[in-house]
Amino acid sequence: MTNETREPLDRLLAEHACERLLIDFLHRLDLGEPGTVAELFTPDGVWEWPAGERRIEGRDALRGYFASRPADRLSRRLCSNVLVDVHSPTTATATSYFATYRVDGWTGDMLPPRLPVNVGHYEDTFRRTDGRWLLATRTVHLPFGGPTERLRPTEPATEAPADVPDGRG
């Protein structure tokens, strides 16, 4: 089934559920517990990065992979241009663009602005299982990428700009 042959409301609900799943993925990596990203995949789900020759398969392996990120990593991912195509009541695909800002060695202080470490796109496949949409595969394509910066322990925080509250009242 293509988007045009599905009931409009069913299609919109499926698209929204898949988009919401992708946002949940990013929030868990940046603001939550990274290892819980595995719960957003099917039991046999796959995360792969062909150019980096990485392929992680299955929830246990995914949990271990994402939970192994450094505890002092600060990351923020921006995702846009999400295009979900619903193919049947239980399958869909999506493409989305992303930019990742990331440093290791973060101590909780505000940092000067940096360029993104990675800019690319994801290609996703979804499966609806037990009434819930899950990632079956997530493939990362990185035309722009570099290493994650490690902050020096003595790197000072920046002063908050005048128009940004500093939390002191």
N, C-alpha and C. Protein backbone atom coordinates (compact mmCIF):
# COMPACT_ATOMS: atom_id res chain seq x y z
N MET A 1 0.83 -1.19 0.00
CA MET A 1 0.00 0.00 0.00
C MET A 1 0.87 1.25 0.00
N THR A 2 0.51 2.21 -0.78
CA THR A 2 1.22 3.48 -0.78
C THR A 2 0.43 4.46 0.06
N ASN A 3 1.03 5.62 0.29
CA ASN A 3 0.34 6.65 1.06
C ASN A 3 -1.02 7.00 0.45
N GLU A 4 -1.12 6.97 -0.87
CA GLU A 4 -2.36 7.37 -1.54
C GLU A 4 -3.48 6.35 -1.37
N THR A 5 -3.17 5.07 -1.15
CA THR A 5 -4.22 4.06 -1.09
C THR A 5 -4.67 3.75 0.33
N ARG A 6 -4.10 4.37 1.32
CA ARG A 6 -4.51 4.15 2.71
C ARG A 6 -5.54 5.18 3.11
N GLU A 7 -6.31 4.83 4.10
CA GLU A 7 -7.26 5.80 4.65
C GLU A 7 -6.46 6.99 5.18
N PRO A 8 -6.87 8.21 4.88
CA PRO A 8 -6.08 9.38 5.29
C PRO A 8 -5.79 9.44 6.79
N LEU A 9 -6.78 9.16 7.63
CA LEU A 9 -6.54 9.24 9.07
C LEU A 9 -5.57 8.16 9.53
N ASP A 10 -5.70 6.95 9.03
CA ASP A 10 -4.77 5.88 9.38
C ASP A 10 -3.34 6.23 8.97
N ARG A 11 -3.22 6.78 7.77
CA ARG A 11 -1.90 7.17 7.27
C ARG A 11 -1.30 8.26 8.16
N LEU A 12 -2.08 9.29 8.49
CA LEU A 12 -1.59 10.37 9.35
C LEU A 12 -1.19 9.87 10.73
N LEU A 13 -1.97 8.99 11.29
CA LEU A 13 -1.63 8.44 12.60
C LEU A 13 -0.34 7.63 12.55
N ALA A 14 -0.16 6.85 11.50
CA ALA A 14 1.07 6.06 11.35
C ALA A 14 2.27 6.99 11.14
N GLU A 15 2.12 8.00 10.29
CA GLU A 15 3.21 8.95 10.07
C GLU A 15 3.61 9.64 11.37
N HIS A 16 2.61 10.09 12.11
CA HIS A 16 2.88 10.78 13.38
C HIS A 16 3.58 9.85 14.38
N ALA A 17 3.14 8.62 14.47
CA ALA A 17 3.75 7.66 15.40
C ALA A 17 5.22 7.43 15.02
N CYS A 18 5.51 7.33 13.74
CA CYS A 18 6.90 7.11 13.31
C CYS A 18 7.75 8.36 13.57
N GLU A 19 7.21 9.54 13.28
CA GLU A 19 7.93 10.78 13.57
C GLU A 19 8.20 10.91 15.07
N ARG A 20 7.20 10.61 15.87
CA ARG A 20 7.34 10.68 17.33
C ARG A 20 8.43 9.71 17.81
N LEU A 21 8.50 8.55 17.23
CA LEU A 21 9.52 7.57 17.57
C LEU A 21 10.92 8.13 17.30
N LEU A 22 11.09 8.80 16.17
CA LEU A 22 12.39 9.38 15.83
C LEU A 22 12.79 10.48 16.81
N ILE A 23 11.83 11.28 17.23
CA ILE A 23 12.11 12.33 18.21
C ILE A 23 12.45 11.71 19.56
N ASP A 24 11.74 10.68 19.95
CA ASP A 24 12.03 9.97 21.20
C ASP A 24 13.46 9.42 21.16
N PHE A 25 13.87 8.88 20.04
CA PHE A 25 15.23 8.36 19.86
C PHE A 25 16.26 9.44 20.20
N LEU A 26 16.10 10.63 19.62
CA LEU A 26 17.05 11.72 19.84
C LEU A 26 17.02 12.20 21.28
N HIS A 27 15.85 12.32 21.86
CA HIS A 27 15.75 12.76 23.25
C HIS A 27 16.43 11.78 24.20
N ARG A 28 16.24 10.50 23.96
CA ARG A 28 16.87 9.50 24.83
C ARG A 28 18.39 9.57 24.73
N LEU A 29 18.92 9.80 23.54
CA LEU A 29 20.37 9.90 23.39
C LEU A 29 20.92 11.16 24.06
N ASP A 30 20.23 12.29 23.87
CA ASP A 30 20.76 13.56 24.35
C ASP A 30 20.36 13.90 25.78
N LEU A 31 19.17 13.54 26.19
CA LEU A 31 18.64 14.01 27.48
C LEU A 31 18.24 12.91 28.44
N GLY A 32 18.28 11.68 28.00
CA GLY A 32 17.79 10.59 28.83
C GLY A 32 18.87 9.56 29.08
N GLU A 33 18.46 8.33 29.07
CA GLU A 33 19.36 7.20 29.24
C GLU A 33 19.62 6.59 27.87
N PRO A 34 20.81 6.79 27.31
CA PRO A 34 21.08 6.32 25.95
C PRO A 34 20.81 4.84 25.72
N GLY A 35 21.05 4.00 26.72
CA GLY A 35 20.82 2.57 26.54
C GLY A 35 19.37 2.22 26.29
N THR A 36 18.44 3.11 26.70
CA THR A 36 17.01 2.82 26.49
C THR A 36 16.59 3.00 25.04
N VAL A 37 17.46 3.55 24.21
CA VAL A 37 17.17 3.66 22.77
C VAL A 37 16.85 2.28 22.21
N ALA A 38 17.46 1.25 22.76
CA ALA A 38 17.24 -0.12 22.26
C ALA A 38 15.77 -0.51 22.31
N GLU A 39 15.02 0.02 23.26
CA GLU A 39 13.60 -0.32 23.39
C GLU A 39 12.76 0.23 22.24
N LEU A 40 13.32 1.12 21.46
CA LEU A 40 12.61 1.70 20.32
C LEU A 40 12.78 0.86 19.05
N PHE A 41 13.59 -0.18 19.14
CA PHE A 41 13.83 -1.08 18.01
C PHE A 41 13.04 -2.37 18.19
N THR A 42 12.77 -3.03 17.09
CA THR A 42 12.21 -4.38 17.14
C THR A 42 13.25 -5.28 17.81
N PRO A 43 12.86 -6.45 18.33
CA PRO A 43 13.84 -7.33 18.98
C PRO A 43 15.04 -7.67 18.09
N ASP A 44 14.81 -7.73 16.77
CA ASP A 44 15.90 -8.02 15.84
C ASP A 44 16.39 -6.76 15.12
N GLY A 45 16.12 -5.60 15.71
CA GLY A 45 16.45 -4.32 15.09
C GLY A 45 17.93 -4.14 14.81
N VAL A 46 18.21 -3.28 13.82
CA VAL A 46 19.59 -3.05 13.37
C VAL A 46 19.86 -1.55 13.29
N TRP A 47 21.01 -1.15 13.83
CA TRP A 47 21.56 0.19 13.63
C TRP A 47 22.84 0.00 12.85
N GLU A 48 22.97 0.71 11.72
CA GLU A 48 24.18 0.54 10.94
C GLU A 48 24.68 1.84 10.36
N TRP A 49 25.97 1.85 10.16
CA TRP A 49 26.68 2.97 9.57
C TRP A 49 27.61 2.37 8.53
N PRO A 50 27.15 2.22 7.29
CA PRO A 50 27.93 1.53 6.27
C PRO A 50 29.34 2.11 6.07
N ALA A 51 29.46 3.44 6.05
CA ALA A 51 30.78 4.05 5.82
C ALA A 51 31.72 3.81 7.00
N GLY A 52 31.17 3.63 8.19
CA GLY A 52 31.99 3.36 9.36
C GLY A 52 32.13 1.89 9.65
N GLU A 53 31.54 1.09 8.77
CA GLU A 53 31.57 -0.37 8.89
C GLU A 53 31.10 -0.84 10.26
N ARG A 54 30.01 -0.23 10.75
CA ARG A 54 29.41 -0.65 12.01
C ARG A 54 28.02 -1.20 11.73
N ARG A 55 27.72 -2.29 12.38
CA ARG A 55 26.38 -2.88 12.30
C ARG A 55 26.11 -3.51 13.66
N ILE A 56 25.10 -2.99 14.33
CA ILE A 56 24.72 -3.49 15.65
C ILE A 56 23.34 -4.10 15.48
N GLU A 57 23.18 -5.37 15.86
CA GLU A 57 21.94 -6.09 15.61
C GLU A 57 21.40 -6.71 16.89
N GLY A 58 20.10 -6.49 17.14
CA GLY A 58 19.41 -7.05 18.30
C GLY A 58 19.40 -6.08 19.48
N ARG A 59 18.32 -6.15 20.26
CA ARG A 59 18.16 -5.20 21.36
C ARG A 59 19.28 -5.24 22.39
N ASP A 60 19.74 -6.42 22.76
CA ASP A 60 20.80 -6.49 23.77
C ASP A 60 22.07 -5.82 23.27
N ALA A 61 22.44 -6.08 22.03
CA ALA A 61 23.64 -5.46 21.46
C ALA A 61 23.44 -3.95 21.32
N LEU A 62 22.25 -3.53 20.90
CA LEU A 62 21.96 -2.10 20.78
C LEU A 62 22.03 -1.41 22.14
N ARG A 63 21.46 -2.04 23.15
CA ARG A 63 21.49 -1.48 24.51
C ARG A 63 22.94 -1.28 24.96
N GLY A 64 23.76 -2.30 24.78
CA GLY A 64 25.16 -2.20 25.15
C GLY A 64 25.90 -1.12 24.37
N TYR A 65 25.63 -1.04 23.08
CA TYR A 65 26.30 -0.05 22.23
C TYR A 65 25.96 1.37 22.67
N PHE A 66 24.67 1.68 22.77
CA PHE A 66 24.28 3.04 23.09
C PHE A 66 24.58 3.40 24.55
N ALA A 67 24.53 2.44 25.45
CA ALA A 67 24.82 2.71 26.87
C ALA A 67 26.31 2.91 27.10
N SER A 68 27.15 2.55 26.14
CA SER A 68 28.60 2.65 26.34
C SER A 68 29.16 4.04 26.04
N ARG A 69 28.31 4.95 25.68
CA ARG A 69 28.83 6.30 25.40
C ARG A 69 29.41 6.89 26.68
N PRO A 70 30.41 7.74 26.58
CA PRO A 70 31.03 8.31 27.78
C PRO A 70 30.03 9.07 28.65
N ALA A 71 30.16 8.92 29.95
CA ALA A 71 29.25 9.59 30.89
C ALA A 71 29.39 11.11 30.83
N ASP A 72 30.55 11.61 30.40
CA ASP A 72 30.78 13.06 30.35
C ASP A 72 30.53 13.64 28.96
N ARG A 73 29.78 12.92 28.13
CA ARG A 73 29.48 13.40 26.78
C ARG A 73 28.27 14.33 26.82
N LEU A 74 28.42 15.48 26.19
CA LEU A 74 27.31 16.40 25.97
C LEU A 74 26.99 16.34 24.49
N SER A 75 25.74 16.06 24.16
CA SER A 75 25.36 16.03 22.75
C SER A 75 23.98 16.64 22.58
N ARG A 76 23.78 17.22 21.44
CA ARG A 76 22.48 17.72 21.03
C ARG A 76 22.36 17.45 19.54
N ARG A 77 21.28 16.81 19.19
CA ARG A 77 21.02 16.48 17.79
C ARG A 77 19.82 17.28 17.30
N LEU A 78 19.97 17.83 16.13
CA LEU A 78 18.87 18.52 15.47
C LEU A 78 18.45 17.66 14.30
N CYS A 79 17.16 17.44 14.17
CA CYS A 79 16.63 16.59 13.12
C CYS A 79 15.57 17.36 12.35
N SER A 80 15.58 17.24 11.04
CA SER A 80 14.60 17.96 10.22
C SER A 80 14.30 17.18 8.95
N ASN A 81 13.40 17.75 8.15
CA ASN A 81 13.05 17.18 6.85
C ASN A 81 12.66 15.72 6.97
N VAL A 82 11.87 15.40 7.99
CA VAL A 82 11.42 14.02 8.20
C VAL A 82 10.33 13.71 7.19
N LEU A 83 10.56 12.69 6.40
CA LEU A 83 9.58 12.27 5.39
C LEU A 83 9.27 10.80 5.63
N VAL A 84 8.07 10.53 6.13
CA VAL A 84 7.64 9.17 6.41
C VAL A 84 6.73 8.71 5.28
N ASP A 85 6.97 7.51 4.78
CA ASP A 85 6.09 6.88 3.80
C ASP A 85 5.54 5.60 4.42
N VAL A 86 4.22 5.52 4.49
CA VAL A 86 3.56 4.34 5.04
C VAL A 86 3.26 3.40 3.87
N HIS A 87 3.75 2.17 3.97
CA HIS A 87 3.60 1.22 2.87
C HIS A 87 2.49 0.20 3.11
N SER A 88 2.18 -0.05 4.36
CA SER A 88 1.11 -1.00 4.71
C SER A 88 0.71 -0.71 6.15
N PRO A 89 -0.29 -1.39 6.67
CA PRO A 89 -0.66 -1.15 8.07
C PRO A 89 0.45 -1.50 9.07
N THR A 90 1.48 -2.22 8.62
CA THR A 90 2.55 -2.63 9.55
C THR A 90 3.95 -2.25 9.09
N THR A 91 4.11 -1.55 7.97
CA THR A 91 5.45 -1.19 7.51
C THR A 91 5.48 0.26 7.02
N ALA A 92 6.61 0.90 7.26
CA ALA A 92 6.82 2.27 6.82
C ALA A 92 8.32 2.51 6.67
N THR A 93 8.67 3.57 5.97
CA THR A 93 10.06 3.99 5.84
C THR A 93 10.12 5.50 6.09
N ALA A 94 11.31 6.00 6.37
CA ALA A 94 11.49 7.44 6.55
C ALA A 94 12.91 7.82 6.20
N THR A 95 13.05 9.08 5.79
CA THR A 95 14.35 9.72 5.62
C THR A 95 14.30 11.01 6.40
N SER A 96 15.37 11.31 7.13
CA SER A 96 15.44 12.57 7.88
C SER A 96 16.89 13.06 7.90
N TYR A 97 17.05 14.37 7.97
CA TYR A 97 18.37 14.97 8.05
C TYR A 97 18.71 15.22 9.51
N PHE A 98 20.01 15.25 9.82
CA PHE A 98 20.41 15.56 11.20
C PHE A 98 21.75 16.29 11.23
N ALA A 99 21.94 17.02 12.32
CA ALA A 99 23.23 17.63 12.67
C ALA A 99 23.47 17.30 14.14
N THR A 100 24.68 16.87 14.46
CA THR A 100 25.03 16.50 15.83
C THR A 100 26.10 17.43 16.37
N TYR A 101 25.80 18.04 17.50
CA TYR A 101 26.77 18.82 18.26
C TYR A 101 27.19 17.95 19.44
N ARG A 102 28.52 17.77 19.65
CA ARG A 102 28.92 16.82 20.68
C ARG A 102 30.34 17.13 21.16
N VAL A 103 30.53 17.03 22.48
CA VAL A 103 31.86 17.10 23.10
C VAL A 103 31.92 16.07 24.22
N ASP A 104 33.12 15.59 24.50
CA ASP A 104 33.37 14.74 25.67
C ASP A 104 34.14 15.57 26.69
N GLY A 105 34.01 15.20 27.96
CA GLY A 105 34.69 15.93 29.02
C GLY A 105 33.88 17.07 29.59
N TRP A 106 32.59 17.08 29.31
CA TRP A 106 31.71 18.16 29.77
C TRP A 106 31.48 18.05 31.28
N THR A 107 31.56 19.19 31.96
CA THR A 107 31.39 19.22 33.41
C THR A 107 30.10 19.91 33.85
N GLY A 108 29.27 20.32 32.90
CA GLY A 108 28.01 20.96 33.24
C GLY A 108 27.99 22.45 32.99
N ASP A 109 29.13 23.03 32.60
CA ASP A 109 29.20 24.47 32.34
C ASP A 109 28.77 24.77 30.91
N MET A 110 28.33 26.03 30.71
CA MET A 110 28.01 26.47 29.36
C MET A 110 29.30 26.56 28.56
N LEU A 111 29.26 26.12 27.32
CA LEU A 111 30.43 26.11 26.45
C LEU A 111 30.26 27.12 25.32
N PRO A 112 31.38 27.58 24.77
CA PRO A 112 31.26 28.42 23.57
C PRO A 112 30.65 27.61 22.44
N PRO A 113 30.00 28.27 21.50
CA PRO A 113 29.39 27.55 20.37
C PRO A 113 30.45 26.79 19.57
N ARG A 114 30.00 25.68 18.99
CA ARG A 114 30.86 24.85 18.16
C ARG A 114 30.12 24.49 16.88
N LEU A 115 30.89 24.06 15.91
CA LEU A 115 30.28 23.54 14.69
C LEU A 115 29.78 22.13 14.95
N PRO A 116 28.83 21.65 14.15
CA PRO A 116 28.39 20.26 14.32
C PRO A 116 29.54 19.30 14.04
N VAL A 117 29.53 18.18 14.75
CA VAL A 117 30.51 17.12 14.55
C VAL A 117 30.11 16.28 13.33
N ASN A 118 28.81 16.08 13.17
CA ASN A 118 28.29 15.27 12.06
C ASN A 118 27.09 15.96 11.43
N VAL A 119 26.98 15.84 10.14
CA VAL A 119 25.79 16.27 9.41
C VAL A 119 25.50 15.17 8.40
N GLY A 120 24.29 14.69 8.40
CA GLY A 120 23.96 13.61 7.48
C GLY A 120 22.48 13.34 7.43
N HIS A 121 22.16 12.10 7.09
CA HIS A 121 20.75 11.72 7.08
C HIS A 121 20.61 10.27 7.54
N TYR A 122 19.42 9.99 8.05
CA TYR A 122 19.04 8.64 8.45
C TYR A 122 18.09 8.07 7.40
N GLU A 123 18.20 6.78 7.17
CA GLU A 123 17.19 6.03 6.41
C GLU A 123 16.67 4.97 7.36
N ASP A 124 15.37 5.01 7.62
CA ASP A 124 14.75 4.15 8.61
C ASP A 124 13.70 3.25 7.99
N THR A 125 13.56 2.07 8.56
CA THR A 125 12.41 1.22 8.27
C THR A 125 11.72 0.94 9.60
N PHE A 126 10.40 0.89 9.56
CA PHE A 126 9.59 0.69 10.75
C PHE A 126 8.72 -0.54 10.56
N ARG A 127 8.43 -1.18 11.69
CA ARG A 127 7.47 -2.28 11.72
C ARG A 127 6.53 -2.04 12.88
N ARG A 128 5.27 -2.24 12.61
CA ARG A 128 4.27 -2.13 13.68
C ARG A 128 4.08 -3.52 14.28
N THR A 129 4.38 -3.63 15.58
CA THR A 129 4.32 -4.90 16.28
C THR A 129 3.50 -4.71 17.54
N ASP A 130 2.51 -5.56 17.75
CA ASP A 130 1.63 -5.45 18.93
C ASP A 130 1.07 -4.05 19.10
N GLY A 131 0.68 -3.42 17.98
CA GLY A 131 0.06 -2.11 18.02
C GLY A 131 1.01 -0.95 18.21
N ARG A 132 2.32 -1.20 18.16
CA ARG A 132 3.31 -0.14 18.41
C ARG A 132 4.31 -0.09 17.26
N TRP A 133 4.57 1.11 16.75
CA TRP A 133 5.57 1.29 15.71
C TRP A 133 6.96 1.26 16.34
N LEU A 134 7.88 0.50 15.74
CA LEU A 134 9.26 0.38 16.21
C LEU A 134 10.21 0.47 15.02
N LEU A 135 11.44 0.85 15.30
CA LEU A 135 12.47 0.85 14.26
C LEU A 135 12.90 -0.58 13.97
N ALA A 136 12.88 -0.96 12.72
CA ALA A 136 13.43 -2.26 12.32
C ALA A 136 14.89 -2.06 11.91
N THR A 137 15.16 -0.96 11.20
CA THR A 137 16.54 -0.61 10.85
C THR A 137 16.69 0.90 10.89
N ARG A 138 17.88 1.33 11.27
CA ARG A 138 18.25 2.75 11.20
C ARG A 138 19.65 2.77 10.60
N THR A 139 19.75 3.37 9.41
CA THR A 139 21.01 3.46 8.71
C THR A 139 21.46 4.91 8.69
N VAL A 140 22.70 5.15 9.10
CA VAL A 140 23.28 6.49 9.20
C VAL A 140 24.16 6.75 7.99
N HIS A 141 23.95 7.88 7.35
CA HIS A 141 24.79 8.31 6.23
C HIS A 141 25.43 9.64 6.61
N LEU A 142 26.77 9.68 6.63
CA LEU A 142 27.50 10.86 7.08
C LEU A 142 28.39 11.43 5.98
N PRO A 143 27.86 12.35 5.17
CA PRO A 143 28.74 13.00 4.19
C PRO A 143 29.68 14.01 4.86
N PHE A 144 29.32 14.50 6.06
CA PHE A 144 30.16 15.42 6.81
C PHE A 144 30.34 14.85 8.21
N GLY A 145 31.57 14.60 8.63
CA GLY A 145 31.78 14.04 9.95
C GLY A 145 33.20 14.23 10.42
N GLY A 146 33.35 14.19 11.73
CA GLY A 146 34.68 14.32 12.31
C GLY A 146 34.69 13.71 13.69
N PRO A 147 35.86 13.75 14.33
CA PRO A 147 35.97 13.16 15.67
C PRO A 147 35.28 14.02 16.72
N THR A 148 34.92 13.39 17.81
CA THR A 148 34.32 14.11 18.94
C THR A 148 35.43 14.81 19.72
N GLU A 149 35.26 16.10 19.93
CA GLU A 149 36.24 16.88 20.68
C GLU A 149 36.24 16.45 22.15
N ARG A 150 37.42 16.33 22.74
CA ARG A 150 37.56 16.08 24.18
C ARG A 150 38.02 17.40 24.79
N LEU A 151 37.20 17.93 25.72
CA LEU A 151 37.53 19.19 26.37
C LEU A 151 38.72 19.01 27.31
N ARG A 152 39.51 20.04 27.42
CA ARG A 152 40.60 20.04 28.39
C ARG A 152 39.99 20.26 29.77
N PRO A 153 40.49 19.60 30.81
CA PRO A 153 39.90 19.75 32.14
C PRO A 153 39.88 21.19 32.64
N THR A 154 40.76 22.03 32.13
CA THR A 154 40.84 23.41 32.62
C THR A 154 40.10 24.39 31.72
N GLU A 155 39.40 23.91 30.70
CA GLU A 155 38.72 24.82 29.78
C GLU A 155 37.61 25.55 30.53
N PRO A 156 37.67 26.89 30.56
CA PRO A 156 36.67 27.64 31.32
C PRO A 156 35.32 27.67 30.61
N ALA A 157 34.30 27.82 31.41
CA ALA A 157 32.96 28.03 30.87
C ALA A 157 32.88 29.46 30.37
N THR A 158 31.95 29.72 29.48
CA THR A 158 31.78 31.08 29.01
C THR A 158 30.86 31.83 29.95
N GLU A 159 30.94 33.12 29.91
CA GLU A 159 29.98 33.93 30.64
C GLU A 159 28.66 33.87 29.88
N ALA A 160 27.58 33.84 30.60
CA ALA A 160 26.27 33.85 29.96
C ALA A 160 26.08 35.18 29.25
N PRO A 161 25.57 35.17 28.02
CA PRO A 161 25.29 36.44 27.35
C PRO A 161 24.30 37.26 28.15
N ALA A 162 24.31 38.56 27.95
CA ALA A 162 23.49 39.47 28.74
C ALA A 162 22.01 39.12 28.68
N ASP A 163 21.55 38.60 27.54
CA ASP A 163 20.12 38.33 27.41
C ASP A 163 19.73 36.91 27.83
N VAL A 164 20.66 36.16 28.40
CA VAL A 164 20.38 34.80 28.86
C VAL A 164 20.44 34.79 30.38
N PRO A 165 19.38 34.39 31.07
CA PRO A 165 19.41 34.36 32.53
C PRO A 165 20.52 33.44 33.02
N ASP A 166 21.22 33.88 34.07
CA ASP A 166 22.30 33.05 34.58
C ASP A 166 21.87 32.19 35.77
N GLY A 167 20.60 32.20 36.12
CA GLY A 167 20.10 31.35 37.19
C GLY A 167 20.33 31.89 38.58
N ARG A 168 20.88 33.11 38.70
CA ARG A 168 21.15 33.67 40.03
C ARG A 168 20.08 34.63 40.47
N GLY A 169 18.96 34.64 39.74
CA GLY A 169 17.85 35.44 40.22
C GLY A 169 17.66 36.64 39.45
